[in-house]
Amino acid sequence: MPKIAPKKTYGFVGDGETELWYLQMLKKNETTLTVTIKPELPQKKSVDEQFNYVVSLAEVHEKVFWIVDMDVIIRETREFKGPRDKAPASVLKQRYQQITNDPVLRSKVIFIGNTPCLEYWILLHIFQTTRYYDTCDLVCQEIVKHEPLTGYEKTKRYYLQANDIYKRLKPYLNTAKTNALRTGPFDPDNLQKGLSEMHKIFTELGI
């Protein structure tokens, strides 16, 4: 009998629990995917530590998605007391350019920026905006104004057990992708700009 080719594996590295919960629900609901999704959570590591982890995963996965919430980068840069080129925003720019300029990394690593956080992507399912929100809490305050997420909570129970966040939002996925494209691409020189690049995931996976 001919051997069945193993599924391609796609790694996902995020810096927050909401990314992990959302990806777990995507994996659960998209049962016809011909790839295996491997969500990873590196536990609030620095930009360089995340980058090194992403590079190591790129050696064993078909692609690796690096999902970065800019509110953390902006806040930590504001509080940073050391040399400017060592501030989180500067390091992120350096690593982003490294991915962009290296043909091998560019073919393996897909950078996903969310400003201020993953919730901006959630919001774009139900509300068209390019507004910059300074904190994730402000995005959550906007989310709960709109059906079907008036009971939204940034909790594991809400994402996984009570609602299945991905299944609830799936009817609005095309709207979210269109709205995300309108926010434009990530710009490492302009972090204070409302943005979500989560649509790149669905383009790559064919969803």
N, C-alpha and C. Protein backbone atom coordinates (compact mmCIF):
# COMPACT_ATOMS: atom_id res chain seq x y z
N MET A 1 0.83 -1.20 0.00
CA MET A 1 0.00 0.00 0.00
C MET A 1 0.87 1.25 0.00
N PRO A 2 0.46 2.28 -0.74
CA PRO A 2 1.24 3.53 -0.72
C PRO A 2 1.15 4.18 0.65
N LYS A 3 2.25 4.81 1.04
CA LYS A 3 2.27 5.49 2.33
C LYS A 3 1.47 6.79 2.24
N ILE A 4 0.73 7.08 3.31
CA ILE A 4 -0.01 8.34 3.38
C ILE A 4 0.95 9.43 3.85
N ALA A 5 1.04 10.49 3.07
CA ALA A 5 1.94 11.58 3.43
C ALA A 5 1.50 12.22 4.73
N PRO A 6 2.43 12.48 5.66
CA PRO A 6 2.03 13.13 6.91
C PRO A 6 1.53 14.54 6.66
N LYS A 7 0.63 14.98 7.53
CA LYS A 7 0.13 16.35 7.41
C LYS A 7 1.25 17.35 7.66
N LYS A 8 1.22 18.45 6.93
CA LYS A 8 2.12 19.54 7.22
C LYS A 8 1.74 20.15 8.57
N THR A 9 2.73 20.57 9.31
CA THR A 9 2.45 21.20 10.61
C THR A 9 2.77 22.69 10.55
N TYR A 10 1.87 23.47 11.11
CA TYR A 10 2.04 24.92 11.18
C TYR A 10 2.16 25.32 12.66
N GLY A 11 3.25 25.98 13.00
CA GLY A 11 3.43 26.44 14.37
C GLY A 11 2.90 27.85 14.56
N PHE A 12 2.38 28.11 15.75
CA PHE A 12 1.85 29.43 16.10
C PHE A 12 2.45 29.86 17.43
N VAL A 13 3.09 31.00 17.44
CA VAL A 13 3.68 31.53 18.67
C VAL A 13 2.98 32.84 19.01
N GLY A 14 2.35 32.89 20.16
CA GLY A 14 1.69 34.10 20.63
C GLY A 14 2.20 34.46 22.01
N ASP A 15 1.93 35.69 22.44
CA ASP A 15 2.43 36.10 23.75
C ASP A 15 1.32 36.26 24.78
N GLY A 16 0.14 35.70 24.46
CA GLY A 16 -0.97 35.81 25.41
C GLY A 16 -1.88 34.59 25.37
N GLU A 17 -2.65 34.43 26.44
CA GLU A 17 -3.53 33.26 26.51
C GLU A 17 -4.69 33.34 25.52
N THR A 18 -5.16 34.55 25.20
CA THR A 18 -6.30 34.65 24.27
C THR A 18 -5.93 34.08 22.91
N GLU A 19 -4.70 34.30 22.46
CA GLU A 19 -4.25 33.73 21.19
C GLU A 19 -4.33 32.21 21.24
N LEU A 20 -3.86 31.64 22.33
CA LEU A 20 -3.86 30.19 22.49
C LEU A 20 -5.29 29.64 22.48
N TRP A 21 -6.19 30.28 23.22
CA TRP A 21 -7.59 29.82 23.28
C TRP A 21 -8.26 29.92 21.91
N TYR A 22 -8.03 31.04 21.23
CA TYR A 22 -8.64 31.25 19.91
C TYR A 22 -8.15 30.20 18.93
N LEU A 23 -6.85 29.91 18.93
CA LEU A 23 -6.30 28.92 18.01
C LEU A 23 -6.78 27.51 18.34
N GLN A 24 -6.96 27.24 19.61
CA GLN A 24 -7.50 25.93 20.00
C GLN A 24 -8.90 25.73 19.42
N MET A 25 -9.71 26.79 19.43
CA MET A 25 -11.06 26.70 18.89
C MET A 25 -11.05 26.65 17.36
N LEU A 26 -10.11 27.35 16.74
CA LEU A 26 -9.96 27.25 15.28
C LEU A 26 -9.65 25.80 14.90
N LYS A 27 -8.69 25.23 15.60
CA LYS A 27 -8.28 23.84 15.33
C LYS A 27 -9.45 22.87 15.54
N LYS A 28 -10.24 23.11 16.57
CA LYS A 28 -11.38 22.23 16.88
C LYS A 28 -12.45 22.30 15.79
N ASN A 29 -12.71 23.50 15.26
CA ASN A 29 -13.83 23.68 14.34
C ASN A 29 -13.49 23.43 12.87
N GLU A 30 -12.25 23.70 12.48
CA GLU A 30 -11.87 23.52 11.07
C GLU A 30 -11.36 22.09 10.87
N THR A 31 -12.28 21.15 10.89
CA THR A 31 -11.92 19.73 10.88
C THR A 31 -11.41 19.24 9.53
N THR A 32 -11.63 20.00 8.47
CA THR A 32 -11.19 19.55 7.14
C THR A 32 -9.82 20.08 6.77
N LEU A 33 -9.16 20.81 7.67
CA LEU A 33 -7.83 21.34 7.37
C LEU A 33 -6.86 20.21 7.05
N THR A 34 -6.04 20.43 6.05
CA THR A 34 -5.04 19.42 5.67
C THR A 34 -3.69 19.69 6.32
N VAL A 35 -3.69 20.55 7.32
CA VAL A 35 -2.48 20.83 8.08
C VAL A 35 -2.77 20.64 9.56
N THR A 36 -1.73 20.47 10.33
CA THR A 36 -1.86 20.35 11.77
C THR A 36 -1.43 21.66 12.42
N ILE A 37 -2.28 22.19 13.29
CA ILE A 37 -2.02 23.46 13.97
C ILE A 37 -1.40 23.17 15.34
N LYS A 38 -0.26 23.78 15.60
CA LYS A 38 0.43 23.58 16.87
C LYS A 38 0.57 24.92 17.60
N PRO A 39 -0.45 25.31 18.39
CA PRO A 39 -0.32 26.57 19.14
C PRO A 39 0.75 26.46 20.22
N GLU A 40 1.52 27.50 20.37
CA GLU A 40 2.56 27.54 21.39
C GLU A 40 2.38 28.81 22.22
N LEU A 41 2.75 28.75 23.49
CA LEU A 41 2.67 29.92 24.35
C LEU A 41 3.97 30.04 25.12
N PRO A 42 4.87 30.93 24.69
CA PRO A 42 6.20 31.00 25.30
C PRO A 42 6.27 31.74 26.64
N GLN A 43 5.11 32.01 27.24
CA GLN A 43 5.07 32.55 28.60
C GLN A 43 5.78 33.89 28.77
N LYS A 44 5.26 34.90 28.03
CA LYS A 44 5.69 36.29 28.24
C LYS A 44 7.20 36.48 28.13
N LYS A 45 7.80 35.90 27.13
CA LYS A 45 9.23 36.06 26.92
C LYS A 45 9.51 37.38 26.21
N SER A 46 10.77 37.80 26.24
CA SER A 46 11.17 39.02 25.56
C SER A 46 11.04 38.84 24.04
N VAL A 47 11.15 39.96 23.31
CA VAL A 47 11.05 39.90 21.85
C VAL A 47 12.12 38.97 21.29
N ASP A 48 13.36 39.12 21.76
CA ASP A 48 14.45 38.28 21.25
C ASP A 48 14.22 36.80 21.58
N GLU A 49 13.73 36.51 22.78
CA GLU A 49 13.47 35.12 23.16
C GLU A 49 12.36 34.53 22.29
N GLN A 50 11.32 35.33 22.03
CA GLN A 50 10.26 34.85 21.14
C GLN A 50 10.80 34.62 19.74
N PHE A 51 11.59 35.56 19.24
CA PHE A 51 12.15 35.44 17.90
C PHE A 51 12.99 34.17 17.77
N ASN A 52 13.85 33.93 18.74
CA ASN A 52 14.70 32.74 18.69
C ASN A 52 13.86 31.47 18.73
N TYR A 53 12.79 31.51 19.49
CA TYR A 53 11.88 30.35 19.56
C TYR A 53 11.19 30.14 18.22
N VAL A 54 10.75 31.22 17.60
CA VAL A 54 10.11 31.15 16.28
C VAL A 54 11.07 30.55 15.26
N VAL A 55 12.32 31.01 15.28
CA VAL A 55 13.32 30.50 14.33
C VAL A 55 13.55 29.01 14.54
N SER A 56 13.60 28.58 15.79
CA SER A 56 13.81 27.16 16.06
C SER A 56 12.62 26.32 15.58
N LEU A 57 11.41 26.85 15.74
CA LEU A 57 10.22 26.13 15.28
C LEU A 57 10.17 26.07 13.75
N ALA A 58 10.71 27.10 13.09
CA ALA A 58 10.71 27.14 11.63
C ALA A 58 11.52 26.00 11.04
N GLU A 59 12.40 25.42 11.83
CA GLU A 59 13.21 24.29 11.35
C GLU A 59 12.42 22.99 11.30
N VAL A 60 11.29 22.93 12.03
CA VAL A 60 10.54 21.67 12.10
C VAL A 60 9.10 21.79 11.59
N HIS A 61 8.64 23.02 11.30
CA HIS A 61 7.29 23.23 10.79
C HIS A 61 7.33 23.77 9.37
N GLU A 62 6.25 23.53 8.64
CA GLU A 62 6.13 24.08 7.30
C GLU A 62 6.17 25.61 7.32
N LYS A 63 5.41 26.19 8.25
CA LYS A 63 5.37 27.63 8.47
C LYS A 63 5.22 27.88 9.96
N VAL A 64 5.66 29.06 10.38
CA VAL A 64 5.44 29.48 11.77
C VAL A 64 4.84 30.89 11.74
N PHE A 65 3.72 31.05 12.43
CA PHE A 65 3.09 32.35 12.58
C PHE A 65 3.52 32.95 13.90
N TRP A 66 4.08 34.14 13.85
CA TRP A 66 4.51 34.84 15.07
C TRP A 66 3.51 35.97 15.31
N ILE A 67 2.67 35.80 16.34
CA ILE A 67 1.58 36.74 16.64
C ILE A 67 2.02 37.65 17.79
N VAL A 68 2.08 38.95 17.52
CA VAL A 68 2.59 39.90 18.52
C VAL A 68 1.55 40.96 18.81
N ASP A 69 1.25 41.14 20.11
CA ASP A 69 0.36 42.22 20.57
C ASP A 69 1.19 43.47 20.81
N MET A 70 0.86 44.55 20.12
CA MET A 70 1.67 45.76 20.20
C MET A 70 1.47 46.55 21.49
N ASP A 71 0.36 46.33 22.20
CA ASP A 71 0.18 47.08 23.45
C ASP A 71 1.29 46.76 24.44
N VAL A 72 1.72 45.51 24.46
CA VAL A 72 2.80 45.10 25.35
C VAL A 72 4.11 45.77 24.92
N ILE A 73 4.38 45.75 23.62
CA ILE A 73 5.61 46.35 23.09
C ILE A 73 5.64 47.86 23.38
N ILE A 74 4.51 48.54 23.13
CA ILE A 74 4.43 49.99 23.34
C ILE A 74 4.61 50.32 24.83
N ARG A 75 3.93 49.58 25.70
CA ARG A 75 4.03 49.85 27.14
C ARG A 75 5.45 49.61 27.66
N GLU A 76 6.04 48.48 27.28
CA GLU A 76 7.38 48.15 27.76
C GLU A 76 8.43 49.11 27.21
N THR A 77 8.22 49.61 25.98
CA THR A 77 9.14 50.59 25.40
C THR A 77 9.04 51.91 26.15
N ARG A 78 7.82 52.29 26.50
CA ARG A 78 7.59 53.54 27.25
C ARG A 78 8.29 53.48 28.61
N GLU A 79 8.32 52.30 29.22
CA GLU A 79 8.89 52.14 30.56
C GLU A 79 10.39 51.83 30.53
N PHE A 80 10.93 51.55 29.35
CA PHE A 80 12.32 51.09 29.22
C PHE A 80 13.30 52.22 29.55
N LYS A 81 14.34 51.91 30.32
CA LYS A 81 15.29 52.95 30.78
C LYS A 81 16.67 52.80 30.11
N GLY A 82 16.87 51.76 29.33
CA GLY A 82 18.19 51.52 28.76
C GLY A 82 18.40 52.20 27.42
N PRO A 83 19.43 51.77 26.67
CA PRO A 83 19.72 52.35 25.35
C PRO A 83 18.55 52.18 24.39
N ARG A 84 18.32 53.19 23.55
CA ARG A 84 17.16 53.19 22.66
C ARG A 84 17.13 51.96 21.75
N ASP A 85 18.31 51.53 21.28
CA ASP A 85 18.32 50.40 20.35
C ASP A 85 18.06 49.06 21.03
N LYS A 86 17.97 49.08 22.37
CA LYS A 86 17.65 47.86 23.12
C LYS A 86 16.20 47.86 23.60
N ALA A 87 15.48 48.94 23.35
CA ALA A 87 14.07 49.01 23.75
C ALA A 87 13.27 47.99 22.94
N PRO A 88 12.19 47.44 23.53
CA PRO A 88 11.41 46.41 22.84
C PRO A 88 10.97 46.79 21.43
N ALA A 89 10.53 48.04 21.21
CA ALA A 89 10.09 48.45 19.88
C ALA A 89 11.23 48.41 18.88
N SER A 90 12.43 48.81 19.31
CA SER A 90 13.60 48.79 18.43
C SER A 90 14.02 47.36 18.11
N VAL A 91 14.00 46.52 19.13
CA VAL A 91 14.37 45.11 18.92
C VAL A 91 13.36 44.44 17.99
N LEU A 92 12.09 44.73 18.18
CA LEU A 92 11.07 44.15 17.31
C LEU A 92 11.30 44.58 15.86
N LYS A 93 11.61 45.86 15.65
CA LYS A 93 11.88 46.35 14.30
C LYS A 93 13.06 45.60 13.69
N GLN A 94 14.12 45.40 14.48
CA GLN A 94 15.30 44.69 13.99
C GLN A 94 14.95 43.26 13.59
N ARG A 95 14.17 42.58 14.42
CA ARG A 95 13.82 41.18 14.13
C ARG A 95 12.83 41.09 12.97
N TYR A 96 11.93 42.04 12.88
CA TYR A 96 10.99 42.08 11.76
C TYR A 96 11.75 42.27 10.44
N GLN A 97 12.72 43.17 10.45
CA GLN A 97 13.52 43.39 9.25
C GLN A 97 14.39 42.18 8.92
N GLN A 98 14.83 41.49 9.96
CA GLN A 98 15.62 40.28 9.74
C GLN A 98 14.79 39.22 9.01
N ILE A 99 13.53 39.09 9.42
CA ILE A 99 12.64 38.15 8.74
C ILE A 99 12.40 38.59 7.30
N THR A 100 12.14 39.88 7.13
CA THR A 100 11.82 40.42 5.81
C THR A 100 12.99 40.30 4.84
N ASN A 101 14.21 40.47 5.34
CA ASN A 101 15.39 40.53 4.46
C ASN A 101 16.07 39.18 4.24
N ASP A 102 15.69 38.18 5.03
CA ASP A 102 16.30 36.86 4.89
C ASP A 102 15.36 35.96 4.08
N PRO A 103 15.76 35.52 2.89
CA PRO A 103 14.86 34.73 2.04
C PRO A 103 14.35 33.45 2.71
N VAL A 104 15.20 32.81 3.49
CA VAL A 104 14.79 31.56 4.15
C VAL A 104 13.75 31.86 5.23
N LEU A 105 14.05 32.82 6.10
CA LEU A 105 13.10 33.18 7.15
C LEU A 105 11.80 33.70 6.56
N ARG A 106 11.90 34.53 5.52
CA ARG A 106 10.71 35.10 4.90
C ARG A 106 9.80 34.01 4.34
N SER A 107 10.38 32.90 3.90
CA SER A 107 9.58 31.81 3.35
C SER A 107 8.96 30.93 4.42
N LYS A 108 9.46 31.06 5.66
CA LYS A 108 9.02 30.16 6.73
C LYS A 108 8.23 30.85 7.83
N VAL A 109 8.53 32.12 8.08
CA VAL A 109 7.93 32.84 9.22
C VAL A 109 6.96 33.89 8.70
N ILE A 110 5.73 33.86 9.23
CA ILE A 110 4.72 34.86 8.88
C ILE A 110 4.45 35.70 10.12
N PHE A 111 4.83 36.97 10.06
CA PHE A 111 4.65 37.88 11.19
C PHE A 111 3.21 38.40 11.19
N ILE A 112 2.59 38.36 12.37
CA ILE A 112 1.21 38.83 12.54
C ILE A 112 1.19 39.90 13.62
N GLY A 113 0.96 41.15 13.23
CA GLY A 113 0.85 42.22 14.21
C GLY A 113 -0.60 42.51 14.57
N ASN A 114 -0.87 42.69 15.85
CA ASN A 114 -2.19 43.12 16.34
C ASN A 114 -1.98 44.34 17.23
N THR A 115 -2.65 45.44 16.89
CA THR A 115 -2.54 46.65 17.72
C THR A 115 -3.93 47.11 18.14
N PRO A 116 -4.25 47.10 19.44
CA PRO A 116 -3.30 46.82 20.50
C PRO A 116 -3.15 45.34 20.86
N CYS A 117 -4.11 44.49 20.45
CA CYS A 117 -4.12 43.11 20.92
C CYS A 117 -5.03 42.27 20.02
N LEU A 118 -5.11 40.97 20.32
CA LEU A 118 -5.95 40.06 19.53
C LEU A 118 -7.40 40.50 19.49
N GLU A 119 -7.86 41.16 20.55
CA GLU A 119 -9.25 41.58 20.60
C GLU A 119 -9.61 42.54 19.47
N TYR A 120 -8.61 43.21 18.91
CA TYR A 120 -8.89 44.08 17.75
C TYR A 120 -9.41 43.23 16.59
N TRP A 121 -8.83 42.05 16.41
CA TRP A 121 -9.30 41.11 15.40
C TRP A 121 -10.73 40.64 15.70
N ILE A 122 -11.00 40.35 16.96
CA ILE A 122 -12.34 39.97 17.38
C ILE A 122 -13.33 41.08 17.03
N LEU A 123 -12.96 42.32 17.35
CA LEU A 123 -13.83 43.47 17.09
C LEU A 123 -14.12 43.63 15.60
N LEU A 124 -13.15 43.37 14.75
CA LEU A 124 -13.32 43.57 13.31
C LEU A 124 -14.34 42.62 12.69
N HIS A 125 -14.72 41.58 13.40
CA HIS A 125 -15.79 40.70 12.92
C HIS A 125 -17.14 41.40 12.92
N ILE A 126 -17.29 42.36 13.83
CA ILE A 126 -18.61 42.93 14.08
C ILE A 126 -18.65 44.45 13.98
N PHE A 127 -17.48 45.07 13.72
CA PHE A 127 -17.41 46.52 13.71
C PHE A 127 -16.24 46.96 12.84
N GLN A 128 -16.53 47.79 11.85
CA GLN A 128 -15.46 48.28 10.97
C GLN A 128 -14.80 49.50 11.59
N THR A 129 -13.49 49.44 11.76
CA THR A 129 -12.76 50.55 12.33
C THR A 129 -11.29 50.47 11.95
N THR A 130 -10.63 51.60 11.92
CA THR A 130 -9.17 51.66 11.83
C THR A 130 -8.62 52.49 13.00
N ARG A 131 -9.49 52.74 13.97
CA ARG A 131 -9.11 53.56 15.12
C ARG A 131 -7.99 52.90 15.92
N TYR A 132 -7.10 53.71 16.47
CA TYR A 132 -6.08 53.21 17.39
C TYR A 132 -6.61 53.27 18.81
N TYR A 133 -6.62 52.12 19.48
CA TYR A 133 -7.01 52.03 20.89
C TYR A 133 -5.74 51.87 21.71
N ASP A 134 -5.58 52.67 22.73
CA ASP A 134 -4.35 52.67 23.50
C ASP A 134 -4.18 51.41 24.35
N THR A 135 -5.31 50.82 24.77
CA THR A 135 -5.23 49.62 25.61
C THR A 135 -6.22 48.57 25.11
N CYS A 136 -5.96 47.35 25.51
CA CYS A 136 -6.86 46.26 25.15
C CYS A 136 -8.21 46.42 25.86
N ASP A 137 -8.20 46.98 27.05
CA ASP A 137 -9.46 47.20 27.78
C ASP A 137 -10.41 48.08 26.97
N LEU A 138 -9.87 49.08 26.28
CA LEU A 138 -10.72 49.95 25.47
C LEU A 138 -11.36 49.18 24.30
N VAL A 139 -10.62 48.25 23.73
CA VAL A 139 -11.18 47.43 22.66
C VAL A 139 -12.30 46.55 23.21
N CYS A 140 -12.09 45.98 24.38
CA CYS A 140 -13.11 45.13 25.00
C CYS A 140 -14.38 45.93 25.30
N GLN A 141 -14.20 47.19 25.71
CA GLN A 141 -15.36 48.04 25.97
C GLN A 141 -16.16 48.30 24.70
N GLU A 142 -15.49 48.33 23.55
CA GLU A 142 -16.17 48.50 22.27
C GLU A 142 -16.84 47.19 21.84
N ILE A 143 -16.17 46.08 22.07
CA ILE A 143 -16.71 44.78 21.66
C ILE A 143 -18.09 44.54 22.28
N VAL A 144 -18.23 44.81 23.58
CA VAL A 144 -19.47 44.46 24.28
C VAL A 144 -20.65 45.34 23.87
N LYS A 145 -20.42 46.33 23.02
CA LYS A 145 -21.52 47.17 22.51
C LYS A 145 -22.24 46.50 21.34
N HIS A 146 -21.67 45.41 20.82
CA HIS A 146 -22.16 44.85 19.56
C HIS A 146 -22.54 43.38 19.70
N GLU A 147 -23.70 43.03 19.12
CA GLU A 147 -24.07 41.62 19.02
C GLU A 147 -23.15 40.94 18.00
N PRO A 148 -22.83 39.66 18.21
CA PRO A 148 -23.31 38.76 19.26
C PRO A 148 -22.35 38.65 20.44
N LEU A 149 -21.59 39.71 20.73
CA LEU A 149 -20.56 39.62 21.76
C LEU A 149 -20.81 40.56 22.93
N THR A 150 -22.08 40.86 23.20
CA THR A 150 -22.39 41.77 24.31
C THR A 150 -21.99 41.18 25.66
N GLY A 151 -21.83 39.89 25.73
CA GLY A 151 -21.40 39.26 26.98
C GLY A 151 -19.92 38.90 26.99
N TYR A 152 -19.16 39.53 26.11
CA TYR A 152 -17.74 39.16 25.93
C TYR A 152 -16.95 39.29 27.23
N GLU A 153 -16.12 38.28 27.48
CA GLU A 153 -15.18 38.29 28.60
C GLU A 153 -13.84 37.75 28.12
N LYS A 154 -12.79 38.33 28.60
CA LYS A 154 -11.44 37.84 28.25
C LYS A 154 -11.05 36.75 29.24
N THR A 155 -11.78 35.63 29.17
CA THR A 155 -11.56 34.53 30.10
C THR A 155 -11.52 33.22 29.34
N LYS A 156 -10.88 32.23 29.93
CA LYS A 156 -10.82 30.89 29.33
C LYS A 156 -12.21 30.29 29.21
N ARG A 157 -13.04 30.51 30.23
CA ARG A 157 -14.40 29.97 30.21
C ARG A 157 -15.18 30.52 29.03
N TYR A 158 -15.05 31.82 28.77
CA TYR A 158 -15.80 32.43 27.67
C TYR A 158 -15.31 31.91 26.33
N TYR A 159 -14.01 31.83 26.16
CA TYR A 159 -13.45 31.40 24.87
C TYR A 159 -13.70 29.93 24.57
N LEU A 160 -13.55 29.10 25.60
CA LEU A 160 -13.56 27.66 25.36
C LEU A 160 -14.85 26.96 25.78
N GLN A 161 -15.26 27.19 27.00
CA GLN A 161 -16.31 26.35 27.58
C GLN A 161 -17.71 26.88 27.33
N ALA A 162 -17.89 28.18 27.49
CA ALA A 162 -19.25 28.72 27.45
C ALA A 162 -19.72 29.06 26.03
N ASN A 163 -18.81 29.45 25.18
CA ASN A 163 -19.25 30.03 23.91
C ASN A 163 -18.62 29.44 22.66
N ASP A 164 -17.40 28.94 22.76
CA ASP A 164 -16.62 28.56 21.59
C ASP A 164 -16.49 29.78 20.69
N ILE A 165 -15.52 30.63 21.03
CA ILE A 165 -15.38 31.94 20.39
C ILE A 165 -15.26 31.84 18.88
N TYR A 166 -14.55 30.84 18.40
CA TYR A 166 -14.34 30.73 16.95
C TYR A 166 -15.64 30.37 16.23
N LYS A 167 -16.38 29.43 16.77
CA LYS A 167 -17.64 29.02 16.16
C LYS A 167 -18.64 30.18 16.14
N ARG A 168 -18.65 30.94 17.22
CA ARG A 168 -19.57 32.08 17.30
C ARG A 168 -19.24 33.15 16.25
N LEU A 169 -17.95 33.33 15.98
CA LEU A 169 -17.54 34.39 15.06
C LEU A 169 -17.42 33.92 13.61
N LYS A 170 -17.44 32.63 13.37
CA LYS A 170 -17.20 32.12 12.02
C LYS A 170 -18.14 32.74 10.96
N PRO A 171 -19.43 32.98 11.25
CA PRO A 171 -20.29 33.60 10.22
C PRO A 171 -19.82 34.99 9.79
N TYR A 172 -18.98 35.63 10.61
CA TYR A 172 -18.51 36.99 10.33
C TYR A 172 -17.06 37.01 9.85
N LEU A 173 -16.50 35.85 9.54
CA LEU A 173 -15.07 35.76 9.22
C LEU A 173 -14.70 36.56 7.98
N ASN A 174 -15.51 36.48 6.93
CA ASN A 174 -15.18 37.24 5.71
C ASN A 174 -15.21 38.74 5.97
N THR A 175 -16.16 39.18 6.81
CA THR A 175 -16.21 40.59 7.19
C THR A 175 -14.93 40.98 7.93
N ALA A 176 -14.49 40.13 8.85
CA ALA A 176 -13.28 40.42 9.62
C ALA A 176 -12.06 40.52 8.71
N LYS A 177 -11.96 39.61 7.74
CA LYS A 177 -10.82 39.64 6.83
C LYS A 177 -10.81 40.93 6.00
N THR A 178 -11.99 41.32 5.51
CA THR A 178 -12.09 42.57 4.74
C THR A 178 -11.72 43.77 5.60
N ASN A 179 -12.25 43.81 6.83
CA ASN A 179 -11.96 44.93 7.73
C ASN A 179 -10.49 44.96 8.13
N ALA A 180 -9.89 43.78 8.31
CA ALA A 180 -8.47 43.72 8.68
C ALA A 180 -7.60 44.24 7.55
N LEU A 181 -7.92 43.89 6.33
CA LEU A 181 -7.16 44.39 5.18
C LEU A 181 -7.20 45.91 5.12
N ARG A 182 -8.32 46.50 5.53
CA ARG A 182 -8.45 47.96 5.51
C ARG A 182 -7.54 48.64 6.53
N THR A 183 -7.11 47.91 7.55
CA THR A 183 -6.23 48.52 8.56
C THR A 183 -4.80 48.65 8.04
N GLY A 184 -4.50 48.00 6.92
CA GLY A 184 -3.18 48.13 6.31
C GLY A 184 -2.15 47.20 6.92
N PRO A 185 -0.93 47.21 6.37
CA PRO A 185 0.13 46.32 6.86
C PRO A 185 0.81 46.86 8.11
N PHE A 186 1.46 45.98 8.82
CA PHE A 186 2.26 46.36 9.98
C PHE A 186 3.40 47.28 9.56
N ASP A 187 3.62 48.34 10.34
CA ASP A 187 4.70 49.28 10.08
C ASP A 187 5.52 49.40 11.36
N PRO A 188 6.75 48.87 11.39
CA PRO A 188 7.54 48.92 12.62
C PRO A 188 7.91 50.33 13.06
N ASP A 189 7.74 51.31 12.17
CA ASP A 189 8.03 52.70 12.54
C ASP A 189 6.79 53.45 13.01
N ASN A 190 5.64 52.78 12.99
CA ASN A 190 4.39 53.42 13.43
C ASN A 190 3.53 52.39 14.16
N LEU A 191 3.89 52.14 15.41
CA LEU A 191 3.18 51.10 16.17
C LEU A 191 1.82 51.57 16.66
N GLN A 192 1.63 52.88 16.80
CA GLN A 192 0.38 53.39 17.34
C GLN A 192 -0.62 53.60 16.21
N LYS A 193 -1.07 52.48 15.68
CA LYS A 193 -1.99 52.47 14.55
C LYS A 193 -2.86 51.23 14.69
N GLY A 194 -4.20 51.41 14.69
CA GLY A 194 -5.10 50.27 14.80
C GLY A 194 -4.84 49.26 13.70
N LEU A 195 -4.64 47.98 14.10
CA LEU A 195 -4.16 47.02 13.12
C LEU A 195 -4.46 45.58 13.54
N SER A 196 -4.82 44.75 12.58
CA SER A 196 -4.79 43.31 12.78
C SER A 196 -4.39 42.65 11.48
N GLU A 197 -3.43 41.73 11.58
CA GLU A 197 -2.99 40.96 10.41
C GLU A 197 -3.38 39.49 10.53
N MET A 198 -4.37 39.19 11.36
CA MET A 198 -4.80 37.81 11.55
C MET A 198 -5.33 37.18 10.26
N HIS A 199 -5.77 38.02 9.33
CA HIS A 199 -6.29 37.50 8.06
C HIS A 199 -5.24 36.70 7.31
N LYS A 200 -3.94 36.96 7.56
CA LYS A 200 -2.87 36.22 6.90
C LYS A 200 -2.96 34.71 7.22
N ILE A 201 -3.40 34.40 8.42
CA ILE A 201 -3.52 33.00 8.82
C ILE A 201 -4.52 32.28 7.94
N PHE A 202 -5.66 32.91 7.72
CA PHE A 202 -6.75 32.27 6.97
C PHE A 202 -6.42 32.19 5.48
N THR A 203 -5.66 33.16 4.99
CA THR A 203 -5.20 33.09 3.61
C THR A 203 -4.25 31.92 3.43
N GLU A 204 -3.30 31.77 4.35
CA GLU A 204 -2.34 30.69 4.27
C GLU A 204 -2.98 29.31 4.42
N LEU A 205 -3.97 29.21 5.32
CA LEU A 205 -4.63 27.93 5.56
C LEU A 205 -5.75 27.63 4.57
N GLY A 206 -6.11 28.62 3.75
CA GLY A 206 -7.17 28.40 2.78
C GLY A 206 -8.56 28.36 3.39
N ILE A 207 -8.76 29.11 4.48
CA ILE A 207 -10.07 29.15 5.15
C ILE A 207 -10.81 30.39 4.72
